[in-house]
Amino acid sequence: GYYMAVPAFVGHKKDMGRLKLLLTDLKPKSSYCLIFSYRL
């Protein structure tokens, strides 16, 4: 499989890239934990 990445040479210094995870069906007044792997 694959992961999502931004290579260091993309864009200019201080440029931003945003990836959005849309959450539906989360119950109000409850707690969740988001766990993820990351690499810099």
Full PDB file with SEQRES, HELIX, SHEET, SSBOND, CRYST1, ORIGX, SCALE, CONECT and MASTER records, all heavy atoms in Angstrom:
SEQRES   1 A   40  GLY TYR TYR MET ALA VAL PRO ALA PHE VAL GLY HIS LYS          
SEQRES   2 A   40  LYS ASP MET GLY ARG LEU LYS LEU LEU LEU THR ASP LEU          
SEQRES   3 A   40  LYS PRO LYS SER SER TYR CYS LEU ILE PHE SER TYR ARG          
SEQRES   4 A   40  LEU                                                          
CRYST1    1.000    1.000    1.000  90.00  90.00  90.00 P 1           1          
ORIGX1      1.000000  0.000000  0.000000        0.00000                         
ORIGX2      0.000000  1.000000  0.000000        0.00000                         
ORIGX3      0.000000  0.000000  1.000000        0.00000                         
SCALE1      1.000000  0.000000  0.000000        0.00000                         
SCALE2      0.000000  1.000000  0.000000        0.00000                         
SCALE3      0.000000  0.000000  1.000000        0.00000                         
ATOM      1  N   GLY A   1       0.809  -1.216   0.000  1.00  0.00           N  
ATOM      2  CA  GLY A   1       0.000   0.000   0.000  1.00  0.00           C  
ATOM      3  C   GLY A   1       0.837   1.258   0.000  1.00  0.00           C  
ATOM      4  O   GLY A   1       2.014   1.241  -0.362  1.00  0.00           O  
ATOM      5  N   TYR A   2       0.219   2.355   0.418  1.00  0.00           N  
ATOM      6  CA  TYR A   2       0.904   3.642   0.353  1.00  0.00           C  
ATOM      7  C   TYR A   2       0.537   4.523   1.538  1.00  0.00           C  
ATOM      8  O   TYR A   2      -0.367   4.234   2.296  1.00  0.00           O  
ATOM      9  CB  TYR A   2       0.579   4.349  -0.964  1.00  0.00           C  
ATOM     10  CG  TYR A   2      -0.882   4.705  -1.148  1.00  0.00           C  
ATOM     11  CD1 TYR A   2      -1.356   5.966  -0.768  1.00  0.00           C  
ATOM     12  CD2 TYR A   2      -1.786   3.794  -1.688  1.00  0.00           C  
ATOM     13  CE1 TYR A   2      -2.693   6.294  -0.921  1.00  0.00           C  
ATOM     14  CE2 TYR A   2      -3.128   4.132  -1.852  1.00  0.00           C  
ATOM     15  CZ  TYR A   2      -3.573   5.377  -1.462  1.00  0.00           C  
ATOM     16  OH  TYR A   2      -4.890   5.712  -1.605  1.00  0.00           O  
ATOM     17  N   TYR A   3       1.301   5.610   1.689  1.00  0.00           N  
ATOM     18  CA  TYR A   3       1.028   6.633   2.689  1.00  0.00           C  
ATOM     19  C   TYR A   3       0.931   7.958   1.947  1.00  0.00           C  
ATOM     20  O   TYR A   3       1.161   8.014   0.739  1.00  0.00           O  
ATOM     21  CB  TYR A   3       2.106   6.643   3.773  1.00  0.00           C  
ATOM     22  CG  TYR A   3       3.503   6.940   3.286  1.00  0.00           C  
ATOM     23  CD1 TYR A   3       4.030   8.228   3.355  1.00  0.00           C  
ATOM     24  CD2 TYR A   3       4.308   5.936   2.761  1.00  0.00           C  
ATOM     25  CE1 TYR A   3       5.319   8.505   2.913  1.00  0.00           C  
ATOM     26  CE2 TYR A   3       5.602   6.205   2.315  1.00  0.00           C  
ATOM     27  CZ  TYR A   3       6.084   7.487   2.388  1.00  0.00           C  
ATOM     28  OH  TYR A   3       7.351   7.768   1.959  1.00  0.00           O  
ATOM     29  N   MET A   4       0.571   9.028   2.644  1.00  0.00           N  
ATOM     30  CA  MET A   4       0.487  10.333   2.002  1.00  0.00           C  
ATOM     31  C   MET A   4       1.717  11.147   2.395  1.00  0.00           C  
ATOM     32  O   MET A   4       2.127  11.149   3.556  1.00  0.00           O  
ATOM     33  CB  MET A   4      -0.779  11.065   2.427  1.00  0.00           C  
ATOM     34  CG  MET A   4      -2.047  10.398   1.924  1.00  0.00           C  
ATOM     35  SD  MET A   4      -2.141  10.233   0.132  1.00  0.00           S  
ATOM     36  CE  MET A   4      -2.784  11.839  -0.315  1.00  0.00           C  
ATOM     37  N   ALA A   5       2.290  11.846   1.412  1.00  0.00           N  
ATOM     38  CA  ALA A   5       3.553  12.537   1.664  1.00  0.00           C  
ATOM     39  C   ALA A   5       3.634  13.859   0.916  1.00  0.00           C  
ATOM     40  O   ALA A   5       2.959  14.067  -0.085  1.00  0.00           O  
ATOM     41  CB  ALA A   5       4.714  11.644   1.231  1.00  0.00           C  
ATOM     42  N   VAL A   6       4.494  14.713   1.452  1.00  0.00           N  
ATOM     43  CA  VAL A   6       4.859  15.956   0.777  1.00  0.00           C  
ATOM     44  C   VAL A   6       6.383  15.957   0.683  1.00  0.00           C  
ATOM     45  O   VAL A   6       7.063  16.011   1.699  1.00  0.00           O  
ATOM     46  CB  VAL A   6       4.397  17.196   1.585  1.00  0.00           C  
ATOM     47  CG1 VAL A   6       4.900  18.462   0.916  1.00  0.00           C  
ATOM     48  CG2 VAL A   6       2.882  17.224   1.704  1.00  0.00           C  
ATOM     49  N   PRO A   7       6.944  15.865  -0.537  1.00  0.00           N  
ATOM     50  CA  PRO A   7       8.398  15.934  -0.681  1.00  0.00           C  
ATOM     51  C   PRO A   7       8.902  17.329  -0.304  1.00  0.00           C  
ATOM     52  O   PRO A   7       8.195  18.321  -0.497  1.00  0.00           O  
ATOM     53  CB  PRO A   7       8.642  15.661  -2.163  1.00  0.00           C  
ATOM     54  CG  PRO A   7       7.339  15.230  -2.736  1.00  0.00           C  
ATOM     55  CD  PRO A   7       6.259  15.691  -1.814  1.00  0.00           C  
ATOM     56  N   ALA A   8      10.124  17.387   0.219  1.00  0.00           N  
ATOM     57  CA  ALA A   8      10.679  18.656   0.720  1.00  0.00           C  
ATOM     58  C   ALA A   8      10.818  19.727  -0.356  1.00  0.00           C  
ATOM     59  O   ALA A   8      10.771  20.913  -0.061  1.00  0.00           O  
ATOM     60  CB  ALA A   8      12.045  18.398   1.362  1.00  0.00           C  
ATOM     61  N   PHE A   9      10.980  19.331  -1.613  1.00  0.00           N  
ATOM     62  CA  PHE A   9      11.255  20.324  -2.661  1.00  0.00           C  
ATOM     63  C   PHE A   9       9.988  20.955  -3.241  1.00  0.00           C  
ATOM     64  O   PHE A   9      10.075  21.835  -4.090  1.00  0.00           O  
ATOM     65  CB  PHE A   9      12.076  19.679  -3.795  1.00  0.00           C  
ATOM     66  CG  PHE A   9      11.429  18.476  -4.396  1.00  0.00           C  
ATOM     67  CD1 PHE A   9      10.408  18.601  -5.332  1.00  0.00           C  
ATOM     68  CD2 PHE A   9      11.812  17.199  -4.002  1.00  0.00           C  
ATOM     69  CE1 PHE A   9       9.793  17.482  -5.873  1.00  0.00           C  
ATOM     70  CE2 PHE A   9      11.205  16.078  -4.538  1.00  0.00           C  
ATOM     71  CZ  PHE A   9      10.190  16.216  -5.475  1.00  0.00           C  
ATOM     72  N   VAL A  10       8.815  20.537  -2.813  1.00  0.00           N  
ATOM     73  CA  VAL A  10       7.561  21.071  -3.363  1.00  0.00           C  
ATOM     74  C   VAL A  10       7.304  22.490  -2.846  1.00  0.00           C  
ATOM     75  O   VAL A  10       7.446  22.760  -1.658  1.00  0.00           O  
ATOM     76  CB  VAL A  10       6.379  20.154  -2.985  1.00  0.00           C  
ATOM     77  CG1 VAL A  10       5.053  20.822  -3.280  1.00  0.00           C  
ATOM     78  CG2 VAL A  10       6.476  18.837  -3.725  1.00  0.00           C  
ATOM     79  N   GLY A  11       6.933  23.398  -3.735  1.00  0.00           N  
ATOM     80  CA  GLY A  11       6.551  24.751  -3.317  1.00  0.00           C  
ATOM     81  C   GLY A  11       7.724  25.593  -2.854  1.00  0.00           C  
ATOM     82  O   GLY A  11       8.884  25.285  -3.127  1.00  0.00           O  
ATOM     83  N   HIS A  12       7.404  26.667  -2.145  1.00  0.00           N  
ATOM     84  CA  HIS A  12       8.402  27.591  -1.611  1.00  0.00           C  
ATOM     85  C   HIS A  12       8.350  27.574  -0.098  1.00  0.00           C  
ATOM     86  O   HIS A  12       7.354  27.153   0.477  1.00  0.00           O  
ATOM     87  CB  HIS A  12       8.115  29.018  -2.117  1.00  0.00           C  
ATOM     88  CG  HIS A  12       8.091  29.105  -3.605  1.00  0.00           C  
ATOM     89  ND1 HIS A  12       9.232  29.094  -4.371  1.00  0.00           N  
ATOM     90  CD2 HIS A  12       7.057  29.182  -4.481  1.00  0.00           C  
ATOM     91  CE1 HIS A  12       8.905  29.162  -5.651  1.00  0.00           C  
ATOM     92  NE2 HIS A  12       7.592  29.212  -5.748  1.00  0.00           N  
ATOM     93  N   LYS A  13       9.383  28.105   0.541  1.00  0.00           N  
ATOM     94  CA  LYS A  13       9.427  28.167   1.995  1.00  0.00           C  
ATOM     95  C   LYS A  13       8.134  28.802   2.525  1.00  0.00           C  
ATOM     96  O   LYS A  13       7.652  29.780   1.972  1.00  0.00           O  
ATOM     97  CB  LYS A  13      10.649  28.993   2.418  1.00  0.00           C  
ATOM     98  CG  LYS A  13      10.911  28.907   3.880  1.00  0.00           C  
ATOM     99  CD  LYS A  13      12.167  29.662   4.273  1.00  0.00           C  
ATOM    100  CE  LYS A  13      12.211  29.729   5.778  1.00  0.00           C  
ATOM    101  NZ  LYS A  13      12.586  30.999   6.287  1.00  0.00           N  
ATOM    102  N   LYS A  14       7.603  28.227   3.584  1.00  0.00           N  
ATOM    103  CA  LYS A  14       6.374  28.683   4.255  1.00  0.00           C  
ATOM    104  C   LYS A  14       5.083  28.340   3.504  1.00  0.00           C  
ATOM    105  O   LYS A  14       3.997  28.638   3.971  1.00  0.00           O  
ATOM    106  CB  LYS A  14       6.380  30.209   4.536  1.00  0.00           C  
ATOM    107  CG  LYS A  14       7.504  30.659   5.438  1.00  0.00           C  
ATOM    108  CD  LYS A  14       7.111  30.480   6.877  1.00  0.00           C  
ATOM    109  CE  LYS A  14       8.129  31.101   7.812  1.00  0.00           C  
ATOM    110  NZ  LYS A  14       8.086  30.513   9.139  1.00  0.00           N  
ATOM    111  N   ASP A  15       5.168  27.736   2.318  1.00  0.00           N  
ATOM    112  CA  ASP A  15       3.953  27.281   1.632  1.00  0.00           C  
ATOM    113  C   ASP A  15       3.297  26.175   2.453  1.00  0.00           C  
ATOM    114  O   ASP A  15       3.973  25.450   3.186  1.00  0.00           O  
ATOM    115  CB  ASP A  15       4.290  26.720   0.241  1.00  0.00           C  
ATOM    116  CG  ASP A  15       4.403  27.807  -0.821  1.00  0.00           C  
ATOM    117  OD1 ASP A  15       4.274  28.992  -0.468  1.00  0.00           O  
ATOM    118  OD2 ASP A  15       4.622  27.458  -1.994  1.00  0.00           O  
ATOM    119  N   MET A  16       1.986  26.032   2.305  1.00  0.00           N  
ATOM    120  CA  MET A  16       1.225  25.052   3.076  1.00  0.00           C  
ATOM    121  C   MET A  16       0.490  24.079   2.165  1.00  0.00           C  
ATOM    122  O   MET A  16      -0.006  24.474   1.111  1.00  0.00           O  
ATOM    123  CB  MET A  16       0.125  25.747   3.893  1.00  0.00           C  
ATOM    124  CG  MET A  16       0.590  26.859   4.780  1.00  0.00           C  
ATOM    125  SD  MET A  16       1.312  26.190   6.261  1.00  0.00           S  
ATOM    126  CE  MET A  16       1.617  27.714   7.128  1.00  0.00           C  
ATOM    127  N   GLY A  17       0.390  22.835   2.632  1.00  0.00           N  
ATOM    128  CA  GLY A  17      -0.463  21.842   1.987  1.00  0.00           C  
ATOM    129  C   GLY A  17      -1.338  21.224   3.054  1.00  0.00           C  
ATOM    130  O   GLY A  17      -0.846  20.823   4.100  1.00  0.00           O  
ATOM    131  N   ARG A  18      -2.646  21.166   2.794  1.00  0.00           N  
ATOM    132  CA  ARG A  18      -3.564  20.644   3.807  1.00  0.00           C  
ATOM    133  C   ARG A  18      -4.356  19.449   3.276  1.00  0.00           C  
ATOM    134  O   ARG A  18      -4.892  19.495   2.181  1.00  0.00           O  
ATOM    135  CB  ARG A  18      -4.519  21.742   4.269  1.00  0.00           C  
ATOM    136  CG  ARG A  18      -3.848  22.729   5.198  1.00  0.00           C  
ATOM    137  CD  ARG A  18      -4.803  23.782   5.723  1.00  0.00           C  
ATOM    138  NE  ARG A  18      -5.122  24.766   4.704  1.00  0.00           N  
ATOM    139  CZ  ARG A  18      -4.404  25.856   4.476  1.00  0.00           C  
ATOM    140  NH1 ARG A  18      -3.335  26.127   5.197  1.00  0.00           N  
ATOM    141  NH2 ARG A  18      -4.751  26.697   3.516  1.00  0.00           N  
ATOM    142  N   LEU A  19      -4.404  18.414   4.094  1.00  0.00           N  
ATOM    143  CA  LEU A  19      -5.159  17.209   3.799  1.00  0.00           C  
ATOM    144  C   LEU A  19      -6.211  17.082   4.884  1.00  0.00           C  
ATOM    145  O   LEU A  19      -5.880  17.087   6.073  1.00  0.00           O  
ATOM    146  CB  LEU A  19      -4.208  16.011   3.805  1.00  0.00           C  
ATOM    147  CG  LEU A  19      -4.752  14.682   3.319  1.00  0.00           C  
ATOM    148  CD1 LEU A  19      -5.205  14.770   1.868  1.00  0.00           C  
ATOM    149  CD2 LEU A  19      -3.667  13.615   3.457  1.00  0.00           C  
ATOM    150  N   LYS A  20      -7.470  16.988   4.468  1.00  0.00           N  
ATOM    151  CA  LYS A  20      -8.570  17.053   5.424  1.00  0.00           C  
ATOM    152  C   LYS A  20      -9.256  15.698   5.538  1.00  0.00           C  
ATOM    153  O   LYS A  20      -9.604  15.077   4.536  1.00  0.00           O  
ATOM    154  CB  LYS A  20      -9.562  18.099   4.905  1.00  0.00           C  
ATOM    155  CG  LYS A  20     -10.538  18.607   5.917  1.00  0.00           C  
ATOM    156  CD  LYS A  20     -11.474  19.641   5.302  1.00  0.00           C  
ATOM    157  CE  LYS A  20     -10.829  21.013   5.235  1.00  0.00           C  
ATOM    158  NZ  LYS A  20     -11.804  22.055   4.868  1.00  0.00           N  
ATOM    159  N   LEU A  21      -9.435  15.250   6.779  1.00  0.00           N  
ATOM    160  CA  LEU A  21     -10.182  14.032   7.069  1.00  0.00           C  
ATOM    161  C   LEU A  21     -11.576  14.449   7.510  1.00  0.00           C  
ATOM    162  O   LEU A  21     -11.730  15.114   8.537  1.00  0.00           O  
ATOM    163  CB  LEU A  21      -9.482  13.250   8.188  1.00  0.00           C  
ATOM    164  CG  LEU A  21     -10.245  12.072   8.791  1.00  0.00           C  
ATOM    165  CD1 LEU A  21     -10.590  11.038   7.733  1.00  0.00           C  
ATOM    166  CD2 LEU A  21      -9.423  11.438   9.901  1.00  0.00           C  
ATOM    167  N   LEU A  22     -12.582  14.115   6.692  1.00  0.00           N  
ATOM    168  CA  LEU A  22     -13.956  14.487   7.030  1.00  0.00           C  
ATOM    169  C   LEU A  22     -14.536  13.448   7.975  1.00  0.00           C  
ATOM    170  O   LEU A  22     -14.493  12.250   7.694  1.00  0.00           O  
ATOM    171  CB  LEU A  22     -14.806  14.580   5.753  1.00  0.00           C  
ATOM    172  CG  LEU A  22     -14.270  15.555   4.707  1.00  0.00           C  
ATOM    173  CD1 LEU A  22     -15.168  15.575   3.489  1.00  0.00           C  
ATOM    174  CD2 LEU A  22     -14.135  16.951   5.279  1.00  0.00           C  
ATOM    175  N   LEU A  23     -15.040  13.912   9.099  1.00  0.00           N  
ATOM    176  CA  LEU A  23     -15.603  13.011  10.103  1.00  0.00           C  
ATOM    177  C   LEU A  23     -17.112  13.138  10.120  1.00  0.00           C  
ATOM    178  O   LEU A  23     -17.651  14.223  10.292  1.00  0.00           O  
ATOM    179  CB  LEU A  23     -15.067  13.372  11.490  1.00  0.00           C  
ATOM    180  CG  LEU A  23     -13.554  13.318  11.654  1.00  0.00           C  
ATOM    181  CD1 LEU A  23     -13.154  13.851  13.012  1.00  0.00           C  
ATOM    182  CD2 LEU A  23     -13.042  11.905  11.471  1.00  0.00           C  
ATOM    183  N   THR A  24     -17.781  12.024   9.943  1.00  0.00           N  
ATOM    184  CA  THR A  24     -19.230  12.044  10.046  1.00  0.00           C  
ATOM    185  C   THR A  24     -19.612  11.029  11.115  1.00  0.00           C  
ATOM    186  O   THR A  24     -18.804  10.161  11.456  1.00  0.00           O  
ATOM    187  CB  THR A  24     -19.889  11.657   8.710  1.00  0.00           C  
ATOM    188  OG1 THR A  24     -19.260  10.464   8.244  1.00  0.00           O  
ATOM    189  CG2 THR A  24     -19.704  12.754   7.671  1.00  0.00           C  
ATOM    190  N   ASP A  25     -20.790  11.152  11.632  1.00  0.00           N  
ATOM    191  CA  ASP A  25     -21.316  10.182  12.601  1.00  0.00           C  
ATOM    192  C   ASP A  25     -20.554  10.116  13.926  1.00  0.00           C  
ATOM    193  O   ASP A  25     -20.621   9.095  14.603  1.00  0.00           O  
ATOM    194  CB  ASP A  25     -21.339   8.751  12.005  1.00  0.00           C  
ATOM    195  CG  ASP A  25     -22.061   8.708  10.679  1.00  0.00           C  
ATOM    196  OD1 ASP A  25     -22.993   9.515  10.498  1.00  0.00           O  
ATOM    197  OD2 ASP A  25     -21.692   7.892   9.833  1.00  0.00           O  
ATOM    198  N   LEU A  26     -19.815  11.149  14.297  1.00  0.00           N  
ATOM    199  CA  LEU A  26     -19.225  11.136  15.636  1.00  0.00           C  
ATOM    200  C   LEU A  26     -20.310  11.561  16.614  1.00  0.00           C  
ATOM    201  O   LEU A  26     -21.021  12.525  16.381  1.00  0.00           O  
ATOM    202  CB  LEU A  26     -18.046  12.101  15.734  1.00  0.00           C  
ATOM    203  CG  LEU A  26     -16.778  11.743  14.978  1.00  0.00           C  
ATOM    204  CD1 LEU A  26     -15.622  12.600  15.468  1.00  0.00           C  
ATOM    205  CD2 LEU A  26     -16.410  10.289  15.090  1.00  0.00           C  
ATOM    206  N   LYS A  27     -20.410  10.833  17.707  1.00  0.00           N  
ATOM    207  CA  LYS A  27     -21.468  11.153  18.666  1.00  0.00           C  
ATOM    208  C   LYS A  27     -21.116  12.382  19.488  1.00  0.00           C  
ATOM    209  O   LYS A  27     -19.989  12.501  19.974  1.00  0.00           O  
ATOM    210  CB  LYS A  27     -21.676   9.979  19.622  1.00  0.00           C  
ATOM    211  CG  LYS A  27     -22.198   8.727  18.960  1.00  0.00           C  
ATOM    212  CD  LYS A  27     -22.511   7.693  20.027  1.00  0.00           C  
ATOM    213  CE  LYS A  27     -22.514   6.295  19.478  1.00  0.00           C  
ATOM    214  NZ  LYS A  27     -21.171   5.777  19.187  1.00  0.00           N  
ATOM    215  N   PRO A  28     -22.083  13.293  19.684  1.00  0.00           N  
ATOM    216  CA  PRO A  28     -21.832  14.439  20.567  1.00  0.00           C  
ATOM    217  C   PRO A  28     -21.557  13.956  21.991  1.00  0.00           C  
ATOM    218  O   PRO A  28     -21.989  12.872  22.364  1.00  0.00           O  
ATOM    219  CB  PRO A  28     -23.126  15.252  20.517  1.00  0.00           C  
ATOM    220  CG  PRO A  28     -23.908  14.710  19.390  1.00  0.00           C  
ATOM    221  CD  PRO A  28     -23.417  13.328  19.106  1.00  0.00           C  
ATOM    222  N   LYS A  29     -20.858  14.787  22.749  1.00  0.00           N  
ATOM    223  CA  LYS A  29     -20.542  14.513  24.155  1.00  0.00           C  
ATOM    224  C   LYS A  29     -19.837  13.161  24.359  1.00  0.00           C  
ATOM    225  O   LYS A  29     -20.099  12.445  25.310  1.00  0.00           O  
ATOM    226  CB  LYS A  29     -21.822  14.572  25.013  1.00  0.00           C  
ATOM    227  CG  LYS A  29     -22.460  15.948  25.027  1.00  0.00           C  
ATOM    228  CD  LYS A  29     -23.584  16.002  26.038  1.00  0.00           C  
ATOM    229  CE  LYS A  29     -24.078  17.402  26.300  1.00  0.00           C  
ATOM    230  NZ  LYS A  29     -24.575  18.123  25.142  1.00  0.00           N  
ATOM    231  N   SER A  30     -18.961  12.823  23.444  1.00  0.00           N  
ATOM    232  CA  SER A  30     -18.146  11.626  23.648  1.00  0.00           C  
ATOM    233  C   SER A  30     -16.700  11.956  23.284  1.00  0.00           C  
ATOM    234  O   SER A  30     -16.431  12.995  22.699  1.00  0.00           O  
ATOM    235  CB  SER A  30     -18.655  10.440  22.818  1.00  0.00           C  
ATOM    236  OG  SER A  30     -19.249  10.853  21.627  1.00  0.00           O  
ATOM    237  N   SER A  31     -15.795  11.080  23.647  1.00  0.00           N  
ATOM    238  CA  SER A  31     -14.392  11.352  23.337  1.00  0.00           C  
ATOM    239  C   SER A  31     -13.852  10.279  22.403  1.00  0.00           C  
ATOM    240  O   SER A  31     -14.292   9.136  22.412  1.00  0.00           O  
ATOM    241  CB  SER A  31     -13.565  11.426  24.613  1.00  0.00           C  
ATOM    242  OG  SER A  31     -13.836  10.317  25.421  1.00  0.00           O  
ATOM    243  N   TYR A  32     -12.894  10.712  21.596  1.00  0.00           N  
ATOM    244  CA  TYR A  32     -12.260   9.835  20.618  1.00  0.00           C  
ATOM    245  C   TYR A  32     -10.756  10.055  20.685  1.00  0.00           C  
ATOM    246  O   TYR A  32     -10.292  11.082  21.160  1.00  0.00           O  
ATOM    247  CB  TYR A  32     -12.746  10.169  19.201  1.00  0.00           C  
ATOM    248  CG  TYR A  32     -14.205   9.864  18.988  1.00  0.00           C  
ATOM    249  CD1 TYR A  32     -15.176  10.810  19.279  1.00  0.00           C  
ATOM    250  CD2 TYR A  32     -14.615   8.623  18.525  1.00  0.00           C  
ATOM    251  CE1 TYR A  32     -16.525  10.529  19.101  1.00  0.00           C  
ATOM    252  CE2 TYR A  32     -15.959   8.332  18.333  1.00  0.00           C  
ATOM    253  CZ  TYR A  32     -16.908   9.284  18.629  1.00  0.00           C  
ATOM    254  OH  TYR A  32     -18.234   9.011  18.455  1.00  0.00           O  
ATOM    255  N   CYS A  33     -10.033   9.084  20.163  1.00  0.00           N  
ATOM    256  CA  CYS A  33      -8.584   9.222  20.061  1.00  0.00           C  
ATOM    257  C   CYS A  33      -8.196   9.038  18.599  1.00  0.00           C  
ATOM    258  O   CYS A  33      -8.593   8.057  17.965  1.00  0.00           O  
ATOM    259  CB  CYS A  33      -7.907   8.154  20.910  1.00  0.00           C  
ATOM    260  SG  CYS A  33      -6.106   8.189  20.750  1.00  0.00           S  
ATOM    261  N   LEU A  34      -7.464  10.013  18.076  1.00  0.00           N  
ATOM    262  CA  LEU A  34      -6.930   9.918  16.723  1.00  0.00           C  
ATOM    263  C   LEU A  34      -5.470   9.489  16.865  1.00  0.00           C  
ATOM    264  O   LEU A  34      -4.690  10.166  17.538  1.00  0.00           O  
ATOM    265  CB  LEU A  34      -7.018  11.279  16.033  1.00  0.00           C  
ATOM    266  CG  LEU A  34      -6.563  11.308  14.583  1.00  0.00           C  
ATOM    267  CD1 LEU A  34      -7.624  10.663  13.690  1.00  0.00           C  
ATOM    268  CD2 LEU A  34      -6.310  12.727  14.127  1.00  0.00           C  
ATOM    269  N   ILE A  35      -5.124   8.359  16.285  1.00  0.00           N  
ATOM    270  CA  ILE A  35      -3.755   7.846  16.343  1.00  0.00           C  
ATOM    271  C   ILE A  35      -3.238   7.785  14.902  1.00  0.00           C  
ATOM    272  O   ILE A  35      -3.968   7.368  14.007  1.00  0.00           O  
ATOM    273  CB  ILE A  35      -3.719   6.433  16.965  1.00  0.00           C  
ATOM    274  CG1 ILE A  35      -4.279   6.466  18.389  1.00  0.00           C  
ATOM    275  CG2 ILE A  35      -2.304   5.882  16.971  1.00  0.00           C  
ATOM    276  CD1 ILE A  35      -4.331   5.114  19.063  1.00  0.00           C  
ATOM    277  N   PHE A  36      -2.012   8.230  14.691  1.00  0.00           N  
ATOM    278  CA  PHE A  36      -1.470   8.224  13.329  1.00  0.00           C  
ATOM    279  C   PHE A  36       0.034   8.038  13.371  1.00  0.00           C  
ATOM    280  O   PHE A  36       0.684   8.307  14.378  1.00  0.00           O  
ATOM    281  CB  PHE A  36      -1.827   9.532  12.599  1.00  0.00           C  
ATOM    282  CG  PHE A  36      -1.385  10.779  13.305  1.00  0.00           C  
ATOM    283  CD1 PHE A  36      -0.200  11.400  12.962  1.00  0.00           C  
ATOM    284  CD2 PHE A  36      -2.162  11.326  14.328  1.00  0.00           C  
ATOM    285  CE1 PHE A  36       0.210  12.552  13.630  1.00  0.00           C  
ATOM    286  CE2 PHE A  36      -1.756  12.472  14.991  1.00  0.00           C  
ATOM    287  CZ  PHE A  36      -0.566  13.088  14.644  1.00  0.00           C  
ATOM    288  N   SER A  37       0.586   7.572  12.270  1.00  0.00           N  
ATOM    289  CA  SER A  37       2.034   7.477  12.107  1.00  0.00           C  
ATOM    290  C   SER A  37       2.472   8.696  11.314  1.00  0.00           C  
ATOM    291  O   SER A  37       1.766   9.123  10.406  1.00  0.00           O  
ATOM    292  CB  SER A  37       2.414   6.226  11.326  1.00  0.00           C  
ATOM    293  OG  SER A  37       1.990   5.080  12.007  1.00  0.00           O  
ATOM    294  N   TYR A  38       3.645   9.217  11.666  1.00  0.00           N  
ATOM    295  CA  TYR A  38       4.146  10.377  10.920  1.00  0.00           C  
ATOM    296  C   TYR A  38       5.656  10.291  10.836  1.00  0.00           C  
ATOM    297  O   TYR A  38       6.305   9.612  11.623  1.00  0.00           O  
ATOM    298  CB  TYR A  38       3.724  11.695  11.590  1.00  0.00           C  
ATOM    299  CG  TYR A  38       4.399  11.949  12.911  1.00  0.00           C  
ATOM    300  CD1 TYR A  38       5.567  12.708  12.981  1.00  0.00           C  
ATOM    301  CD2 TYR A  38       3.888  11.414  14.084  1.00  0.00           C  
ATOM    302  CE1 TYR A  38       6.197  12.923  14.192  1.00  0.00           C  
ATOM    303  CE2 TYR A  38       4.518  11.625  15.304  1.00  0.00           C  
ATOM    304  CZ  TYR A  38       5.672  12.374  15.347  1.00  0.00           C  
ATOM    305  OH  TYR A  38       6.308  12.585  16.545  1.00  0.00           O  
ATOM    306  N   ARG A  39       6.191  10.991   9.844  1.00  0.00           N  
ATOM    307  CA  ARG A  39       7.642  11.019   9.670  1.00  0.00           C  
ATOM    308  C   ARG A  39       8.037  12.375   9.107  1.00  0.00           C  
ATOM    309  O   ARG A  39       7.418  12.868   8.171  1.00  0.00           O  
ATOM    310  CB  ARG A  39       8.043   9.915   8.704  1.00  0.00           C  
ATOM    311  CG  ARG A  39       9.541   9.844   8.490  1.00  0.00           C  
ATOM    312  CD  ARG A  39       9.895   8.595   7.761  1.00  0.00           C  
ATOM    313  NE  ARG A  39       9.611   8.735   6.340  1.00  0.00           N  
ATOM    314  CZ  ARG A  39      10.160   7.950   5.412  1.00  0.00           C  
ATOM    315  NH1 ARG A  39      10.964   6.975   5.756  1.00  0.00           N  
ATOM    316  NH2 ARG A  39       9.881   8.139   4.148  1.00  0.00           N  
ATOM    317  N   LEU A  40       9.051  12.971   9.712  1.00  0.00           N  
ATOM    318  CA  LEU A  40       9.653  14.191   9.178  1.00  0.00           C  
ATOM    319  C   LEU A  40      11.087  13.806   8.851  1.00  0.00           C  
ATOM    320  O   LEU A  40      11.911  13.684   9.747  1.00  0.00           O  
ATOM    321  CB  LEU A  40       9.615  15.310  10.221  1.00  0.00           C  
ATOM    322  CG  LEU A  40       8.199  15.805  10.530  1.00  0.00           C  
ATOM    323  CD1 LEU A  40       8.015  16.032  12.006  1.00  0.00           C  
ATOM    324  CD2 LEU A  40       7.882  17.061   9.769  1.00  0.00           C  
TER     325      LEU A  40                                                      
MASTER        0    0    0    0    0    0    0    6  324    1    0    4          
END                                                                             
